[in-house]
């Protein structure tokens, strides 16, 4: 996957996690409204959502590099069987 796809997935993951945790915090009464950086609970929600999105996109990047390395290996050693 390209970097654009990873950015889109990262934004979607961030939005979904922040929305779910924000709705839970509002339902429990920890915050009123949406999570913002002005409250400790809101900052922790947004920070957690950022870390999860970063973990997902980093994992995607690692998998893409690993796949590319194996493709290069097979193309080098088994060129007669592996065509790009």
N, C-alpha and C. Protein backbone atom coordinates (compact mmCIF):
# COMPACT_ATOMS: atom_id res chain seq x y z
N UNK A 1 0.83 -1.18 0.00
CA UNK A 1 0.00 0.00 0.00
C UNK A 1 0.87 1.23 0.00
N UNK A 2 0.39 2.25 -0.66
CA UNK A 2 1.13 3.48 -0.73
C UNK A 2 0.91 4.35 0.49
N UNK A 3 1.65 5.43 0.53
CA UNK A 3 1.56 6.30 1.70
C UNK A 3 0.21 7.00 1.78
N UNK A 4 -0.42 7.25 0.64
CA UNK A 4 -1.74 7.90 0.67
C UNK A 4 -2.76 6.97 1.32
N UNK A 5 -2.71 5.71 0.97
CA UNK A 5 -3.64 4.74 1.57
C UNK A 5 -3.43 4.64 3.07
N UNK A 6 -2.16 4.65 3.49
CA UNK A 6 -1.90 4.59 4.93
C UNK A 6 -2.42 5.82 5.64
N UNK A 7 -2.29 6.99 5.04
CA UNK A 7 -2.80 8.22 5.67
C UNK A 7 -4.32 8.19 5.78
N UNK A 8 -4.97 7.69 4.74
CA UNK A 8 -6.44 7.61 4.77
C UNK A 8 -6.89 6.63 5.86
N UNK A 9 -6.26 5.46 5.92
CA UNK A 9 -6.60 4.48 6.95
C UNK A 9 -6.32 5.04 8.34
N UNK A 10 -5.19 5.74 8.50
CA UNK A 10 -4.86 6.34 9.79
C UNK A 10 -5.90 7.35 10.23
N UNK A 11 -6.37 8.18 9.29
CA UNK A 11 -7.40 9.17 9.63
C UNK A 11 -8.71 8.50 10.00
N UNK A 12 -9.06 7.45 9.28
CA UNK A 12 -10.31 6.74 9.59
C UNK A 12 -10.23 6.07 10.96
N UNK A 13 -9.10 5.41 11.24
CA UNK A 13 -8.94 4.75 12.54
C UNK A 13 -8.98 5.77 13.66
N UNK A 14 -8.29 6.91 13.48
CA UNK A 14 -8.30 7.96 14.49
C UNK A 14 -9.72 8.45 14.75
N UNK A 15 -10.46 8.70 13.69
CA UNK A 15 -11.84 9.21 13.84
C UNK A 15 -12.73 8.21 14.55
N UNK A 16 -12.63 6.96 14.17
CA UNK A 16 -13.49 5.94 14.77
C UNK A 16 -13.17 5.76 16.25
N UNK A 17 -11.89 5.65 16.59
CA UNK A 17 -11.50 5.45 17.99
C UNK A 17 -11.89 6.67 18.83
N UNK A 18 -11.62 7.88 18.31
CA UNK A 18 -11.97 9.09 19.06
C UNK A 18 -13.48 9.21 19.25
N UNK A 19 -14.25 8.84 18.24
CA UNK A 19 -15.71 8.90 18.34
C UNK A 19 -16.24 7.90 19.37
N UNK A 20 -15.74 6.68 19.30
CA UNK A 20 -16.22 5.65 20.24
C UNK A 20 -15.86 6.03 21.68
N UNK A 21 -14.61 6.40 21.90
CA UNK A 21 -14.20 6.76 23.27
C UNK A 21 -14.87 8.05 23.74
N UNK A 22 -15.06 9.00 22.82
CA UNK A 22 -15.76 10.25 23.17
C UNK A 22 -17.21 9.99 23.56
N UNK A 23 -17.87 9.13 22.81
CA UNK A 23 -19.26 8.81 23.14
C UNK A 23 -19.36 8.10 24.48
N UNK A 24 -18.41 7.22 24.75
CA UNK A 24 -18.39 6.53 26.04
C UNK A 24 -18.16 7.53 27.18
N UNK A 25 -17.23 8.47 26.99
CA UNK A 25 -16.94 9.45 28.03
C UNK A 25 -18.13 10.37 28.28
N UNK A 26 -18.84 10.74 27.22
CA UNK A 26 -20.04 11.57 27.39
C UNK A 26 -21.13 10.79 28.10
N UNK A 27 -21.30 9.51 27.74
CA UNK A 27 -22.33 8.69 28.37
C UNK A 27 -22.06 8.48 29.86
N UNK A 28 -20.79 8.36 30.22
CA UNK A 28 -20.44 8.17 31.63
C UNK A 28 -20.36 9.49 32.40
N UNK A 29 -20.38 10.61 31.68
CA UNK A 29 -20.34 11.91 32.33
C UNK A 29 -18.95 12.46 32.61
N UNK A 30 -17.93 11.87 31.99
CA UNK A 30 -16.57 12.37 32.20
C UNK A 30 -16.34 13.70 31.50
N UNK A 31 -16.97 13.87 30.34
CA UNK A 31 -16.87 15.13 29.61
C UNK A 31 -18.26 15.50 29.11
N UNK A 32 -18.42 16.76 28.75
CA UNK A 32 -19.67 17.19 28.13
C UNK A 32 -19.33 17.74 26.76
N UNK A 33 -19.99 17.24 25.75
CA UNK A 33 -19.66 17.65 24.39
C UNK A 33 -18.67 16.69 23.77
N UNK A 34 -17.80 17.25 22.93
CA UNK A 34 -16.82 16.42 22.23
C UNK A 34 -15.46 16.50 22.92
N UNK A 35 -14.60 15.51 22.71
CA UNK A 35 -13.28 15.54 23.34
C UNK A 35 -12.40 16.64 22.74
N UNK A 36 -11.83 17.45 23.60
CA UNK A 36 -10.90 18.49 23.16
C UNK A 36 -9.63 18.39 23.99
N UNK A 37 -8.63 19.12 23.58
CA UNK A 37 -7.36 19.10 24.30
C UNK A 37 -7.42 19.94 25.57
N UNK A 38 -8.51 20.66 25.81
CA UNK A 38 -8.60 21.53 26.99
C UNK A 38 -8.94 20.76 28.27
N UNK A 39 -9.38 19.52 28.16
CA UNK A 39 -9.65 18.71 29.35
C UNK A 39 -8.71 17.51 29.38
N UNK A 40 -8.45 17.01 30.55
CA UNK A 40 -7.54 15.87 30.68
C UNK A 40 -8.13 14.62 30.04
N UNK A 41 -9.42 14.41 30.22
CA UNK A 41 -10.07 13.24 29.63
C UNK A 41 -10.07 13.34 28.11
N UNK A 42 -10.38 14.51 27.59
CA UNK A 42 -10.38 14.71 26.14
C UNK A 42 -8.99 14.55 25.55
N UNK A 43 -7.98 15.07 26.23
CA UNK A 43 -6.61 14.94 25.75
C UNK A 43 -6.17 13.49 25.76
N UNK A 44 -6.56 12.74 26.78
CA UNK A 44 -6.18 11.33 26.83
C UNK A 44 -6.90 10.53 25.75
N UNK A 45 -8.15 10.87 25.47
CA UNK A 45 -8.89 10.19 24.41
C UNK A 45 -8.22 10.45 23.06
N UNK A 46 -7.92 11.70 22.77
CA UNK A 46 -7.29 12.03 21.49
C UNK A 46 -5.88 11.46 21.40
N UNK A 47 -5.15 11.45 22.50
CA UNK A 47 -3.82 10.86 22.51
C UNK A 47 -3.86 9.37 22.27
N UNK A 48 -4.79 8.68 22.91
CA UNK A 48 -4.93 7.24 22.71
C UNK A 48 -5.33 6.93 21.28
N UNK A 49 -6.25 7.71 20.72
CA UNK A 49 -6.66 7.50 19.33
C UNK A 49 -5.49 7.73 18.38
N UNK A 50 -4.66 8.73 18.67
CA UNK A 50 -3.49 8.99 17.84
C UNK A 50 -2.50 7.82 17.91
N UNK A 51 -2.26 7.30 19.10
CA UNK A 51 -1.32 6.20 19.24
C UNK A 51 -1.81 4.93 18.53
N UNK A 52 -3.10 4.65 18.61
CA UNK A 52 -3.65 3.49 17.92
C UNK A 52 -3.53 3.67 16.41
N UNK A 53 -3.85 4.86 15.91
CA UNK A 53 -3.74 5.11 14.47
C UNK A 53 -2.29 5.03 14.01
N UNK A 54 -1.36 5.50 14.83
CA UNK A 54 0.06 5.40 14.50
C UNK A 54 0.51 3.95 14.48
N UNK A 55 0.03 3.16 15.41
CA UNK A 55 0.39 1.73 15.43
C UNK A 55 -0.14 1.01 14.20
N UNK A 56 -1.35 1.33 13.79
CA UNK A 56 -1.94 0.68 12.61
C UNK A 56 -1.16 1.04 11.36
N UNK A 57 -0.87 2.31 11.16
CA UNK A 57 -0.15 2.72 9.95
C UNK A 57 1.29 2.23 9.95
N UNK A 58 1.92 2.17 11.11
CA UNK A 58 3.28 1.63 11.18
C UNK A 58 3.29 0.15 10.84
N UNK A 59 2.30 -0.57 11.32
CA UNK A 59 2.18 -1.99 10.99
C UNK A 59 1.97 -2.18 9.49
N UNK A 60 1.15 -1.36 8.88
CA UNK A 60 0.92 -1.45 7.45
C UNK A 60 2.20 -1.19 6.67
N UNK A 61 2.98 -0.21 7.12
CA UNK A 61 4.23 0.11 6.45
C UNK A 61 5.22 -1.03 6.57
N UNK A 62 5.31 -1.62 7.76
CA UNK A 62 6.23 -2.74 7.98
C UNK A 62 5.85 -3.94 7.10
N UNK A 63 4.55 -4.22 7.00
CA UNK A 63 4.10 -5.33 6.16
C UNK A 63 4.42 -5.08 4.69
N UNK A 64 4.25 -3.84 4.23
CA UNK A 64 4.54 -3.50 2.84
C UNK A 64 6.04 -3.65 2.54
N UNK A 65 6.89 -3.20 3.48
CA UNK A 65 8.34 -3.36 3.28
C UNK A 65 8.74 -4.82 3.28
N UNK A 66 8.15 -5.62 4.17
CA UNK A 66 8.45 -7.04 4.24
C UNK A 66 8.04 -7.75 2.95
N UNK A 67 6.87 -7.40 2.44
CA UNK A 67 6.38 -7.99 1.20
C UNK A 67 7.29 -7.61 0.04
N UNK A 68 7.72 -6.36 -0.02
CA UNK A 68 8.62 -5.90 -1.08
C UNK A 68 9.95 -6.62 -1.01
N UNK A 69 10.48 -6.84 0.20
CA UNK A 69 11.75 -7.54 0.36
C UNK A 69 11.65 -8.97 -0.15
N UNK A 70 10.54 -9.65 0.16
CA UNK A 70 10.38 -11.02 -0.33
C UNK A 70 10.22 -11.06 -1.84
N UNK A 71 9.51 -10.10 -2.40
CA UNK A 71 9.37 -10.04 -3.86
C UNK A 71 10.72 -9.84 -4.52
N UNK A 72 11.55 -8.97 -3.96
CA UNK A 72 12.89 -8.76 -4.52
C UNK A 72 13.74 -10.01 -4.40
N UNK A 73 13.63 -10.70 -3.28
CA UNK A 73 14.39 -11.94 -3.08
C UNK A 73 14.00 -12.98 -4.12
N UNK A 74 12.70 -13.20 -4.30
CA UNK A 74 12.26 -14.19 -5.27
C UNK A 74 12.62 -13.78 -6.69
N UNK A 75 12.52 -12.50 -7.00
CA UNK A 75 12.87 -12.04 -8.34
C UNK A 75 14.36 -12.23 -8.61
N UNK A 76 15.19 -12.09 -7.59
CA UNK A 76 16.63 -12.25 -7.76
C UNK A 76 17.02 -13.71 -7.90
N UNK A 77 16.51 -14.57 -7.03
CA UNK A 77 16.95 -15.96 -7.01
C UNK A 77 16.13 -16.87 -7.91
N UNK A 78 14.90 -16.53 -8.16
CA UNK A 78 14.05 -17.38 -8.99
C UNK A 78 13.47 -16.56 -10.14
N UNK A 79 14.34 -15.87 -10.84
CA UNK A 79 13.90 -14.98 -11.92
C UNK A 79 13.20 -15.70 -13.04
N UNK A 80 13.62 -16.94 -13.33
CA UNK A 80 12.99 -17.67 -14.43
C UNK A 80 11.55 -18.06 -14.11
N UNK A 81 11.20 -18.14 -12.83
CA UNK A 81 9.85 -18.50 -12.42
C UNK A 81 9.00 -17.29 -12.01
N UNK A 82 9.66 -16.26 -11.53
CA UNK A 82 8.96 -15.10 -10.97
C UNK A 82 9.14 -13.91 -11.91
N UNK A 83 8.08 -13.51 -12.53
CA UNK A 83 8.12 -12.36 -13.44
C UNK A 83 7.35 -11.21 -12.81
N UNK A 84 7.92 -10.03 -12.91
CA UNK A 84 7.26 -8.83 -12.39
C UNK A 84 6.36 -8.23 -13.42
